[in-house]
Structure formats: C-alpha cells, structure tokens
Amino acid sequence: MSSRSSRTDRPRDLPETVIVGQIRKPHGLRGEVVVEILSDVPDRFVSGRALRMVAVDGSARERRIEKVRVNGSRAIVLFDGSHTRDDAEALRGRHLEVSRRDVPGAEAGSYYQYELLGCVCSDVKAGELGEVVGLVEDGGGILLRVSRDGETVLVPFVAAFVEHIDIEAGTISVALPEGLIETCTFRS
C-alpha cells in the first residue's frame, strides 16, 4: 500500500446531523413503534422532544415524541401524527437524527463513530491503508473497517496501536504489529 495521501490540508466537513436511533417495527395497534436507541445521552428520548426522521429515500421531517417508554437500548415511542398500526408501519426503517450541535463533546480519548468515519488511516511503516468506512464491535474491542482499491483491512482501534488522531484533518495514524495488515486484509 502506498504511503502517499490524497487528503488535503483543509479541515474536513463533518455531518450536520447525527443518527441517534432507528425505528425497527410497529408496536401494538395505536401507532407506537420500537426504536433502537443509538445514543448514550439520557434525555435524547423523552416526551416533547423533536427528532429529525429520515426515510430511506433521504426525505426528512421533524417529528415530536408524544409518549415514550425506555427499556435499555430500546424504546416504545409514539410520534405525533402516528395513530394507527398502518401509520407506525410507514415509519419502519427510518433513522432518527439530531443536529451535531446537540451532541455533547466526547470525553478525552473517546470518539464518536461519525467522527471516525471518512478518516484516512495510515500505518507508520506501511503508509496509507485507506478510508475508515465502518466500525465493527466484536466483543474484544472495536475494529476500524478501512478500505481502499477493493481491499479492506480490519484495524484494532486500541490505544496500544493508535499513534495520533486528528478529527479536524480526518486522519488516524497507527503503528500496527508486523504481519497484522497482511493477516487482516481481504478483497471485497
């Protein structure tokens, strides 16, 4: 893999909105839906809160939570304008978003997924590995899914290997053990 980077020196554009939940399915007959919560902000899902609801086709509109019951990483939510099972069924699969300005800053040494996606990952010896296109949680920690030119490498996102992260510039520098890149690379 080449050590040259195609990244410019200008700060990268982070998304304006951040996904905080996804509507999985209807619940009952009165318009409620099951929401998978993708946020650790405690008051993200409360009655009266407005969220941006985004359909698969990218169309979006703001919807207000009328009623909610949270149970761990799931919630039963009734949105304004949803009163029947058919109304709830029409919401299946939609993402729920908030403005990035409403996301609290990450603790020192921690990063949000949206901050890491799109970063160019480079190894101090091997050079540029590619762009972070996903994260995999495998029980043993987080792996960065880094892709370039049809090849993907899973990079352990652990302090022992991470040399430097610059979210503004969109770069992650790692020092991987000998042989890890060859072992963990596959063609997609």
N, C-alpha and C. Protein backbone atom coordinates (compact mmCIF):
# COMPACT_ATOMS: atom_id res chain seq x y z
N MET A 1 0.84 -1.19 0.00
CA MET A 1 0.00 0.00 0.00
C MET A 1 0.88 1.25 0.00
N SER A 2 0.48 2.23 -0.72
CA SER A 2 1.24 3.46 -0.91
C SER A 2 1.29 4.30 0.36
N SER A 3 2.33 5.09 0.48
CA SER A 3 2.44 5.99 1.64
C SER A 3 1.96 7.40 1.30
N ARG A 4 1.48 7.60 0.09
CA ARG A 4 1.02 8.92 -0.31
C ARG A 4 -0.43 9.10 0.11
N SER A 5 -0.77 10.30 0.47
CA SER A 5 -2.14 10.59 0.91
C SER A 5 -2.82 11.52 -0.09
N SER A 6 -4.11 11.25 -0.34
CA SER A 6 -4.87 12.11 -1.22
C SER A 6 -5.60 13.19 -0.44
N ARG A 7 -5.46 13.20 0.86
CA ARG A 7 -6.14 14.15 1.75
C ARG A 7 -5.50 15.53 1.61
N THR A 8 -6.32 16.56 1.57
CA THR A 8 -5.80 17.92 1.51
C THR A 8 -5.61 18.45 2.92
N ASP A 9 -5.05 19.63 3.05
CA ASP A 9 -4.80 20.22 4.37
C ASP A 9 -5.99 20.99 4.91
N ARG A 10 -7.09 21.09 4.17
CA ARG A 10 -8.25 21.82 4.68
C ARG A 10 -9.02 20.92 5.64
N PRO A 11 -9.65 21.53 6.66
CA PRO A 11 -10.46 20.73 7.58
C PRO A 11 -11.60 20.04 6.83
N ARG A 12 -11.93 18.84 7.25
CA ARG A 12 -13.00 18.10 6.56
C ARG A 12 -14.36 18.51 7.11
N ASP A 13 -15.36 18.25 6.32
CA ASP A 13 -16.73 18.56 6.72
C ASP A 13 -17.33 17.38 7.46
N LEU A 14 -17.70 17.60 8.71
CA LEU A 14 -18.40 16.57 9.47
C LEU A 14 -19.89 16.69 9.17
N PRO A 15 -20.65 15.63 9.36
CA PRO A 15 -22.08 15.70 9.04
C PRO A 15 -22.80 16.73 9.91
N GLU A 16 -23.84 17.33 9.35
CA GLU A 16 -24.65 18.31 10.09
C GLU A 16 -25.54 17.64 11.13
N THR A 17 -25.92 16.37 10.84
CA THR A 17 -26.78 15.64 11.76
C THR A 17 -26.13 14.32 12.15
N VAL A 18 -26.60 13.77 13.28
CA VAL A 18 -26.06 12.53 13.80
C VAL A 18 -27.22 11.59 14.10
N ILE A 19 -27.10 10.33 13.68
CA ILE A 19 -28.14 9.34 13.94
C ILE A 19 -28.13 8.96 15.42
N VAL A 20 -29.32 9.03 16.05
CA VAL A 20 -29.44 8.68 17.47
C VAL A 20 -30.39 7.51 17.69
N GLY A 21 -31.04 7.05 16.63
CA GLY A 21 -31.95 5.91 16.76
C GLY A 21 -32.44 5.45 15.42
N GLN A 22 -33.03 4.24 15.43
CA GLN A 22 -33.63 3.71 14.22
C GLN A 22 -34.94 3.02 14.58
N ILE A 23 -35.96 3.32 13.80
CA ILE A 23 -37.26 2.70 14.01
C ILE A 23 -37.21 1.29 13.43
N ARG A 24 -37.46 0.30 14.29
CA ARG A 24 -37.38 -1.09 13.88
C ARG A 24 -38.70 -1.65 13.37
N LYS A 25 -39.80 -1.43 14.15
CA LYS A 25 -41.08 -2.04 13.77
C LYS A 25 -42.22 -1.40 14.55
N PRO A 26 -43.45 -1.63 14.10
CA PRO A 26 -44.61 -1.16 14.86
C PRO A 26 -44.73 -1.93 16.19
N HIS A 27 -45.41 -1.31 17.15
CA HIS A 27 -45.68 -1.96 18.43
C HIS A 27 -47.15 -1.72 18.77
N GLY A 28 -47.94 -2.77 18.73
CA GLY A 28 -49.36 -2.62 19.05
C GLY A 28 -50.15 -2.04 17.89
N LEU A 29 -51.34 -1.51 18.25
CA LEU A 29 -52.27 -1.04 17.22
C LEU A 29 -52.48 0.47 17.20
N ARG A 30 -51.84 1.20 18.12
CA ARG A 30 -52.14 2.64 18.28
C ARG A 30 -51.04 3.58 17.78
N GLY A 31 -50.22 3.11 16.85
CA GLY A 31 -49.25 3.99 16.22
C GLY A 31 -47.87 4.01 16.85
N GLU A 32 -47.66 3.22 17.90
CA GLU A 32 -46.34 3.20 18.54
C GLU A 32 -45.36 2.37 17.72
N VAL A 33 -44.07 2.68 17.89
CA VAL A 33 -43.01 1.95 17.20
C VAL A 33 -41.92 1.56 18.20
N VAL A 34 -41.17 0.51 17.85
CA VAL A 34 -39.99 0.12 18.61
C VAL A 34 -38.80 0.84 18.00
N VAL A 35 -38.06 1.56 18.85
CA VAL A 35 -36.89 2.30 18.40
C VAL A 35 -35.65 1.70 19.03
N GLU A 36 -34.64 1.42 18.19
CA GLU A 36 -33.33 1.03 18.71
C GLU A 36 -32.58 2.33 19.01
N ILE A 37 -32.20 2.49 20.27
CA ILE A 37 -31.51 3.72 20.69
C ILE A 37 -30.03 3.60 20.36
N LEU A 38 -29.51 4.57 19.62
CA LEU A 38 -28.10 4.60 19.22
C LEU A 38 -27.40 5.81 19.83
N SER A 39 -27.79 6.18 21.03
CA SER A 39 -27.25 7.35 21.71
C SER A 39 -27.12 7.02 23.19
N ASP A 40 -26.10 7.58 23.81
CA ASP A 40 -25.97 7.38 25.26
C ASP A 40 -26.34 8.63 26.04
N VAL A 41 -26.96 9.60 25.37
CA VAL A 41 -27.45 10.80 26.05
C VAL A 41 -28.79 10.46 26.69
N PRO A 42 -28.89 10.54 28.03
CA PRO A 42 -30.07 10.07 28.74
C PRO A 42 -31.39 10.73 28.34
N ASP A 43 -31.41 12.01 28.06
CA ASP A 43 -32.67 12.68 27.75
C ASP A 43 -32.96 12.80 26.25
N ARG A 44 -32.30 11.97 25.45
CA ARG A 44 -32.50 12.03 24.00
C ARG A 44 -33.93 11.61 23.62
N PHE A 45 -34.48 10.63 24.35
CA PHE A 45 -35.82 10.13 24.06
C PHE A 45 -36.73 10.40 25.25
N VAL A 46 -37.37 11.58 25.22
CA VAL A 46 -38.31 11.99 26.26
C VAL A 46 -39.52 12.63 25.57
N SER A 47 -40.67 12.60 26.26
CA SER A 47 -41.88 13.23 25.71
C SER A 47 -41.62 14.70 25.42
N GLY A 48 -42.11 15.16 24.28
CA GLY A 48 -41.97 16.55 23.88
C GLY A 48 -40.74 16.82 23.03
N ARG A 49 -39.79 15.91 22.97
CA ARG A 49 -38.55 16.09 22.22
C ARG A 49 -38.80 15.93 20.73
N ALA A 50 -38.26 16.82 19.94
CA ALA A 50 -38.37 16.74 18.48
C ALA A 50 -37.12 16.07 17.93
N LEU A 51 -37.31 15.15 16.99
CA LEU A 51 -36.23 14.47 16.31
C LEU A 51 -36.44 14.58 14.81
N ARG A 52 -35.37 14.56 14.07
CA ARG A 52 -35.45 14.58 12.61
C ARG A 52 -35.59 13.13 12.16
N MET A 53 -36.67 12.83 11.45
CA MET A 53 -36.95 11.47 10.98
C MET A 53 -36.59 11.41 9.50
N VAL A 54 -35.69 10.48 9.14
CA VAL A 54 -35.19 10.39 7.77
C VAL A 54 -35.59 9.06 7.16
N ALA A 55 -36.24 9.12 6.00
CA ALA A 55 -36.67 7.93 5.27
C ALA A 55 -35.51 7.37 4.46
N VAL A 56 -35.70 6.17 3.95
CA VAL A 56 -34.68 5.51 3.14
C VAL A 56 -34.32 6.34 1.91
N ASP A 57 -35.30 7.06 1.34
CA ASP A 57 -35.03 7.87 0.15
C ASP A 57 -34.35 9.20 0.48
N GLY A 58 -34.07 9.45 1.77
CA GLY A 58 -33.39 10.68 2.17
C GLY A 58 -34.31 11.82 2.56
N SER A 59 -35.59 11.68 2.28
CA SER A 59 -36.52 12.74 2.69
C SER A 59 -36.60 12.76 4.22
N ALA A 60 -36.77 13.97 4.77
CA ALA A 60 -36.75 14.10 6.22
C ALA A 60 -37.78 15.11 6.68
N ARG A 61 -38.25 14.91 7.91
CA ARG A 61 -39.12 15.89 8.53
C ARG A 61 -39.01 15.73 10.04
N GLU A 62 -39.30 16.81 10.73
CA GLU A 62 -39.22 16.78 12.18
C GLU A 62 -40.49 16.17 12.75
N ARG A 63 -40.33 15.28 13.74
CA ARG A 63 -41.47 14.67 14.42
C ARG A 63 -41.23 14.78 15.93
N ARG A 64 -42.29 15.03 16.66
CA ARG A 64 -42.21 15.19 18.11
C ARG A 64 -42.66 13.91 18.81
N ILE A 65 -41.97 13.57 19.89
CA ILE A 65 -42.34 12.40 20.68
C ILE A 65 -43.51 12.79 21.58
N GLU A 66 -44.62 12.07 21.45
CA GLU A 66 -45.78 12.31 22.32
C GLU A 66 -45.69 11.48 23.59
N LYS A 67 -45.25 10.23 23.44
CA LYS A 67 -45.18 9.32 24.57
C LYS A 67 -44.00 8.38 24.36
N VAL A 68 -43.30 8.01 25.44
CA VAL A 68 -42.15 7.12 25.30
C VAL A 68 -41.97 6.28 26.56
N ARG A 69 -41.56 5.03 26.34
CA ARG A 69 -41.15 4.14 27.43
C ARG A 69 -39.80 3.56 27.03
N VAL A 70 -38.76 3.86 27.81
CA VAL A 70 -37.41 3.41 27.50
C VAL A 70 -37.11 2.17 28.33
N ASN A 71 -36.52 1.18 27.66
CA ASN A 71 -36.10 -0.05 28.34
C ASN A 71 -34.73 -0.42 27.78
N GLY A 72 -33.67 0.03 28.44
CA GLY A 72 -32.31 -0.25 27.98
C GLY A 72 -32.00 0.44 26.67
N SER A 73 -31.66 -0.36 25.66
CA SER A 73 -31.29 0.21 24.36
C SER A 73 -32.46 0.25 23.39
N ARG A 74 -33.67 0.01 23.90
CA ARG A 74 -34.87 0.07 23.07
C ARG A 74 -35.89 0.99 23.73
N ALA A 75 -36.78 1.53 22.92
CA ALA A 75 -37.85 2.38 23.44
C ALA A 75 -39.12 2.12 22.63
N ILE A 76 -40.24 2.24 23.29
CA ILE A 76 -41.53 2.22 22.61
C ILE A 76 -41.94 3.68 22.52
N VAL A 77 -42.11 4.19 21.30
CA VAL A 77 -42.32 5.62 21.08
C VAL A 77 -43.59 5.85 20.27
N LEU A 78 -44.35 6.85 20.69
CA LEU A 78 -45.49 7.34 19.92
C LEU A 78 -45.11 8.73 19.42
N PHE A 79 -45.02 8.88 18.09
CA PHE A 79 -44.70 10.17 17.48
C PHE A 79 -45.99 10.89 17.11
N ASP A 80 -45.92 12.22 17.10
CA ASP A 80 -47.08 13.00 16.66
C ASP A 80 -47.46 12.58 15.25
N GLY A 81 -48.75 12.54 14.99
CA GLY A 81 -49.24 12.18 13.66
C GLY A 81 -49.33 10.69 13.41
N SER A 82 -48.91 9.87 14.35
CA SER A 82 -48.98 8.42 14.19
C SER A 82 -50.02 7.88 15.16
N HIS A 83 -51.14 7.35 14.62
CA HIS A 83 -52.24 6.92 15.49
C HIS A 83 -52.71 5.50 15.22
N THR A 84 -52.24 4.90 14.13
CA THR A 84 -52.67 3.54 13.79
C THR A 84 -51.46 2.66 13.51
N ARG A 85 -51.69 1.37 13.44
CA ARG A 85 -50.62 0.45 13.11
C ARG A 85 -50.07 0.75 11.71
N ASP A 86 -50.96 1.11 10.78
CA ASP A 86 -50.51 1.46 9.43
C ASP A 86 -49.59 2.68 9.45
N ASP A 87 -49.92 3.67 10.28
CA ASP A 87 -49.05 4.84 10.44
C ASP A 87 -47.68 4.41 10.94
N ALA A 88 -47.68 3.52 11.93
CA ALA A 88 -46.42 3.03 12.51
C ALA A 88 -45.63 2.22 11.49
N GLU A 89 -46.32 1.39 10.72
CA GLU A 89 -45.66 0.57 9.70
C GLU A 89 -44.95 1.45 8.67
N ALA A 90 -45.54 2.58 8.35
CA ALA A 90 -44.94 3.51 7.37
C ALA A 90 -43.63 4.12 7.89
N LEU A 91 -43.39 4.05 9.20
CA LEU A 91 -42.18 4.62 9.78
C LEU A 91 -41.04 3.59 9.88
N ARG A 92 -41.32 2.34 9.65
CA ARG A 92 -40.32 1.27 9.78
C ARG A 92 -39.04 1.60 9.00
N GLY A 93 -37.89 1.41 9.65
CA GLY A 93 -36.60 1.60 8.99
C GLY A 93 -36.07 3.02 8.97
N ARG A 94 -36.85 3.98 9.39
CA ARG A 94 -36.39 5.37 9.36
C ARG A 94 -35.36 5.62 10.46
N HIS A 95 -34.40 6.47 10.14
CA HIS A 95 -33.40 6.89 11.11
C HIS A 95 -33.90 8.13 11.85
N LEU A 96 -33.50 8.26 13.09
CA LEU A 96 -33.81 9.44 13.89
C LEU A 96 -32.50 10.18 14.12
N GLU A 97 -32.51 11.48 13.85
CA GLU A 97 -31.29 12.28 13.91
C GLU A 97 -31.50 13.54 14.76
N VAL A 98 -30.36 14.07 15.23
CA VAL A 98 -30.32 15.37 15.89
C VAL A 98 -29.22 16.18 15.24
N SER A 99 -29.25 17.47 15.43
CA SER A 99 -28.19 18.33 14.93
C SER A 99 -26.88 17.98 15.64
N ARG A 100 -25.78 18.02 14.91
CA ARG A 100 -24.47 17.75 15.52
C ARG A 100 -24.19 18.72 16.66
N ARG A 101 -24.76 19.92 16.60
CA ARG A 101 -24.58 20.90 17.69
C ARG A 101 -25.18 20.41 19.00
N ASP A 102 -26.17 19.49 18.92
CA ASP A 102 -26.82 18.95 20.11
C ASP A 102 -26.10 17.74 20.69
N VAL A 103 -24.99 17.36 20.11
CA VAL A 103 -24.23 16.22 20.60
C VAL A 103 -23.13 16.73 21.53
N PRO A 104 -23.12 16.25 22.78
CA PRO A 104 -22.08 16.72 23.71
C PRO A 104 -20.71 16.26 23.23
N GLY A 105 -19.69 17.02 23.55
CA GLY A 105 -18.33 16.64 23.17
C GLY A 105 -17.94 15.30 23.78
N ALA A 106 -17.15 14.53 23.05
CA ALA A 106 -16.69 13.24 23.55
C ALA A 106 -15.65 13.47 24.64
N GLU A 107 -15.59 12.54 25.57
CA GLU A 107 -14.58 12.62 26.63
C GLU A 107 -13.20 12.50 25.99
N ALA A 108 -12.19 13.01 26.68
CA ALA A 108 -10.82 12.94 26.18
C ALA A 108 -10.46 11.49 25.88
N GLY A 109 -9.90 11.25 24.70
CA GLY A 109 -9.51 9.90 24.31
C GLY A 109 -10.65 9.06 23.76
N SER A 110 -11.86 9.62 23.69
CA SER A 110 -13.02 8.93 23.12
C SER A 110 -13.47 9.65 21.87
N TYR A 111 -14.11 8.91 20.97
CA TYR A 111 -14.56 9.48 19.71
C TYR A 111 -15.92 8.92 19.35
N TYR A 112 -16.71 9.73 18.69
CA TYR A 112 -17.98 9.26 18.16
C TYR A 112 -17.73 8.58 16.82
N GLN A 113 -18.59 7.63 16.49
CA GLN A 113 -18.46 6.91 15.24
C GLN A 113 -18.46 7.87 14.05
N TYR A 114 -19.34 8.86 14.05
CA TYR A 114 -19.40 9.78 12.91
C TYR A 114 -18.11 10.58 12.74
N GLU A 115 -17.33 10.74 13.81
CA GLU A 115 -16.06 11.45 13.71
C GLU A 115 -14.99 10.59 13.04
N LEU A 116 -15.06 9.28 13.24
CA LEU A 116 -14.05 8.37 12.70
C LEU A 116 -14.32 7.99 11.24
N LEU A 117 -15.60 7.88 10.89
CA LEU A 117 -15.94 7.50 9.51
C LEU A 117 -15.42 8.56 8.54
N GLY A 118 -14.78 8.10 7.49
CA GLY A 118 -14.24 9.02 6.49
C GLY A 118 -12.80 9.42 6.75
N CYS A 119 -12.27 9.11 7.93
CA CYS A 119 -10.87 9.44 8.20
C CYS A 119 -9.95 8.56 7.37
N VAL A 120 -8.82 9.10 6.95
CA VAL A 120 -7.80 8.33 6.26
C VAL A 120 -6.90 7.72 7.32
N CYS A 121 -6.75 6.40 7.25
CA CYS A 121 -5.95 5.66 8.23
C CYS A 121 -4.61 5.29 7.60
N SER A 122 -3.52 5.59 8.32
CA SER A 122 -2.18 5.28 7.84
C SER A 122 -1.40 4.56 8.91
N ASP A 123 -0.58 3.62 8.47
CA ASP A 123 0.33 2.91 9.37
C ASP A 123 1.70 3.57 9.26
N VAL A 124 2.41 3.70 10.38
CA VAL A 124 3.70 4.41 10.36
C VAL A 124 4.71 3.73 9.44
N LYS A 125 4.62 2.41 9.25
CA LYS A 125 5.56 1.71 8.36
C LYS A 125 4.98 1.49 6.96
N ALA A 126 3.72 1.05 6.89
CA ALA A 126 3.13 0.67 5.60
C ALA A 126 2.55 1.84 4.82
N GLY A 127 2.35 2.98 5.47
CA GLY A 127 1.77 4.13 4.79
C GLY A 127 0.25 4.10 4.82
N GLU A 128 -0.38 4.76 3.84
CA GLU A 128 -1.83 4.89 3.82
C GLU A 128 -2.50 3.53 3.59
N LEU A 129 -3.44 3.21 4.49
CA LEU A 129 -4.18 1.95 4.40
C LEU A 129 -5.52 2.15 3.70
N GLY A 130 -6.07 3.36 3.79
CA GLY A 130 -7.36 3.65 3.18
C GLY A 130 -8.23 4.49 4.08
N GLU A 131 -9.54 4.49 3.77
CA GLU A 131 -10.51 5.31 4.49
C GLU A 131 -11.34 4.44 5.42
N VAL A 132 -11.63 4.98 6.61
CA VAL A 132 -12.49 4.27 7.56
C VAL A 132 -13.92 4.31 7.03
N VAL A 133 -14.46 3.13 6.71
CA VAL A 133 -15.81 3.05 6.14
C VAL A 133 -16.81 2.41 7.10
N GLY A 134 -16.32 1.93 8.24
CA GLY A 134 -17.21 1.33 9.22
C GLY A 134 -16.47 0.94 10.47
N LEU A 135 -17.22 0.60 11.50
CA LEU A 135 -16.66 0.12 12.75
C LEU A 135 -17.33 -1.20 13.08
N VAL A 136 -16.54 -2.13 13.60
CA VAL A 136 -17.04 -3.44 13.97
C VAL A 136 -16.76 -3.64 15.45
N GLU A 137 -17.82 -3.97 16.20
CA GLU A 137 -17.65 -4.29 17.61
C GLU A 137 -17.73 -5.79 17.71
N ASP A 138 -16.63 -6.41 18.16
CA ASP A 138 -16.56 -7.87 18.14
C ASP A 138 -16.44 -8.50 19.53
N GLY A 139 -16.72 -7.76 20.57
CA GLY A 139 -16.61 -8.30 21.92
C GLY A 139 -15.21 -8.12 22.50
N GLY A 140 -14.22 -8.08 21.65
CA GLY A 140 -12.85 -7.87 22.10
C GLY A 140 -12.40 -6.44 21.92
N GLY A 141 -13.31 -5.59 21.48
CA GLY A 141 -12.97 -4.19 21.22
C GLY A 141 -13.51 -3.77 19.88
N ILE A 142 -13.13 -2.59 19.47
CA ILE A 142 -13.62 -2.03 18.21
C ILE A 142 -12.55 -2.19 17.14
N LEU A 143 -13.01 -2.57 15.96
CA LEU A 143 -12.13 -2.66 14.79
C LEU A 143 -12.58 -1.60 13.79
N LEU A 144 -11.61 -0.89 13.21
CA LEU A 144 -11.91 0.04 12.14
C LEU A 144 -11.92 -0.74 10.84
N ARG A 145 -12.98 -0.60 10.04
CA ARG A 145 -13.03 -1.22 8.72
C ARG A 145 -12.47 -0.18 7.75
N VAL A 146 -11.26 -0.43 7.27
CA VAL A 146 -10.53 0.51 6.43
C VAL A 146 -10.45 -0.05 5.02
N SER A 147 -10.91 0.71 4.01
CA SER A 147 -10.95 0.21 2.63
C SER A 147 -10.23 1.13 1.67
N ARG A 148 -9.66 0.47 0.65
CA ARG A 148 -9.02 1.20 -0.44
C ARG A 148 -8.80 0.25 -1.61
N ASP A 149 -9.19 0.70 -2.79
CA ASP A 149 -8.96 -0.05 -4.02
C ASP A 149 -9.45 -1.50 -3.94
N GLY A 150 -10.63 -1.72 -3.36
CA GLY A 150 -11.21 -3.05 -3.31
C GLY A 150 -10.67 -3.94 -2.20
N GLU A 151 -9.74 -3.43 -1.42
CA GLU A 151 -9.21 -4.20 -0.30
C GLU A 151 -9.66 -3.57 1.01
N THR A 152 -9.94 -4.42 1.98
CA THR A 152 -10.36 -3.95 3.29
C THR A 152 -9.48 -4.59 4.35
N VAL A 153 -9.08 -3.80 5.32
CA VAL A 153 -8.32 -4.31 6.45
C VAL A 153 -9.05 -3.91 7.72
N LEU A 154 -9.13 -4.84 8.67
CA LEU A 154 -9.73 -4.55 9.97
C LEU A 154 -8.61 -4.17 10.91
N VAL A 155 -8.65 -2.92 11.39
CA VAL A 155 -7.58 -2.37 12.22
C VAL A 155 -8.08 -2.27 13.66
N PRO A 156 -7.41 -2.94 14.61
CA PRO A 156 -7.82 -2.81 16.01
C PRO A 156 -7.70 -1.35 16.47
N PHE A 157 -8.79 -0.82 17.01
CA PHE A 157 -8.81 0.56 17.48
C PHE A 157 -8.52 0.55 18.98
N VAL A 158 -7.25 0.34 19.29
CA VAL A 158 -6.81 0.25 20.69
C VAL A 158 -5.65 1.21 20.92
N ALA A 159 -5.56 1.72 22.13
CA ALA A 159 -4.55 2.72 22.48
C ALA A 159 -3.13 2.23 22.17
N ALA A 160 -2.88 0.94 22.31
CA ALA A 160 -1.53 0.41 22.07
C ALA A 160 -1.08 0.59 20.62
N PHE A 161 -2.03 0.67 19.66
CA PHE A 161 -1.67 0.80 18.25
C PHE A 161 -1.88 2.20 17.69
N VAL A 162 -2.74 3.01 18.32
CA VAL A 162 -3.06 4.34 17.79
C VAL A 162 -1.97 5.33 18.18
N GLU A 163 -1.36 5.94 17.19
CA GLU A 163 -0.31 6.93 17.41
C GLU A 163 -0.89 8.33 17.55
N HIS A 164 -1.82 8.67 16.62
CA HIS A 164 -2.36 10.04 16.61
C HIS A 164 -3.69 10.05 15.86
N ILE A 165 -4.63 10.85 16.38
CA ILE A 165 -5.91 11.05 15.71
C ILE A 165 -6.14 12.55 15.57
N ASP A 166 -6.46 12.98 14.37
CA ASP A 166 -6.80 14.39 14.11
C ASP A 166 -8.16 14.41 13.41
N ILE A 167 -9.21 14.60 14.20
CA ILE A 167 -10.57 14.58 13.66
C ILE A 167 -10.78 15.70 12.65
N GLU A 168 -10.27 16.89 12.94
CA GLU A 168 -10.43 18.03 12.02
C GLU A 168 -9.82 17.74 10.65
N ALA A 169 -8.62 17.16 10.65
CA ALA A 169 -7.94 16.85 9.39
C ALA A 169 -8.45 15.54 8.79
N GLY A 170 -9.12 14.71 9.61
CA GLY A 170 -9.62 13.44 9.13
C GLY A 170 -8.54 12.40 8.96
N THR A 171 -7.62 12.33 9.93
CA THR A 171 -6.53 11.36 9.83
C THR A 171 -6.38 10.55 11.12
N ILE A 172 -6.02 9.30 10.93
CA ILE A 172 -5.70 8.41 12.04
C ILE A 172 -4.38 7.73 11.70
N SER A 173 -3.41 7.84 12.60
CA SER A 173 -2.11 7.21 12.41
C SER A 173 -1.98 6.07 13.41
N VAL A 174 -1.61 4.89 12.90
CA VAL A 174 -1.46 3.72 13.75
C VAL A 174 -0.08 3.11 13.56
N ALA A 175 0.38 2.36 14.54
CA ALA A 175 1.62 1.58 14.45
C ALA A 175 1.23 0.14 14.72
N LEU A 176 0.97 -0.60 13.63
CA LEU A 176 0.47 -1.97 13.76
C LEU A 176 1.61 -2.96 13.85
N PRO A 177 1.38 -4.06 14.58
CA PRO A 177 2.41 -5.09 14.69
C PRO A 177 2.73 -5.71 13.32
N GLU A 178 3.94 -6.16 13.17
CA GLU A 178 4.39 -6.80 11.94
C GLU A 178 3.46 -7.95 11.57
N GLY A 179 3.00 -7.98 10.32
CA GLY A 179 2.17 -9.07 9.82
C GLY A 179 0.67 -8.88 10.00
N LEU A 180 0.24 -7.92 10.80
CA LEU A 180 -1.19 -7.75 11.05
C LEU A 180 -1.93 -7.31 9.79
N ILE A 181 -1.35 -6.40 9.03
CA ILE A 181 -2.01 -5.90 7.82
C ILE A 181 -2.23 -7.04 6.83
N GLU A 182 -1.23 -7.85 6.60
CA GLU A 182 -1.35 -8.95 5.65
C GLU A 182 -2.37 -9.99 6.15
N THR A 183 -2.38 -10.23 7.44
CA THR A 183 -3.29 -11.22 8.03
C THR A 183 -4.74 -10.77 8.00
N CYS A 184 -4.97 -9.47 8.21
CA CYS A 184 -6.33 -8.95 8.37
C CYS A 184 -6.88 -8.25 7.13
N THR A 185 -6.22 -8.40 5.97
CA THR A 185 -6.70 -7.76 4.74
C THR A 185 -7.46 -8.77 3.89
N PHE A 186 -8.58 -8.32 3.32
CA PHE A 186 -9.34 -9.17 2.41
C PHE A 186 -9.88 -8.31 1.28
N ARG A 187 -10.16 -8.98 0.15
CA ARG A 187 -10.73 -8.29 -1.02
C ARG A 187 -12.24 -8.31 -0.89
N SER A 188 -12.87 -7.15 -1.19
CA SER A 188 -14.33 -7.09 -1.11
C SER A 188 -14.97 -7.18 -2.46
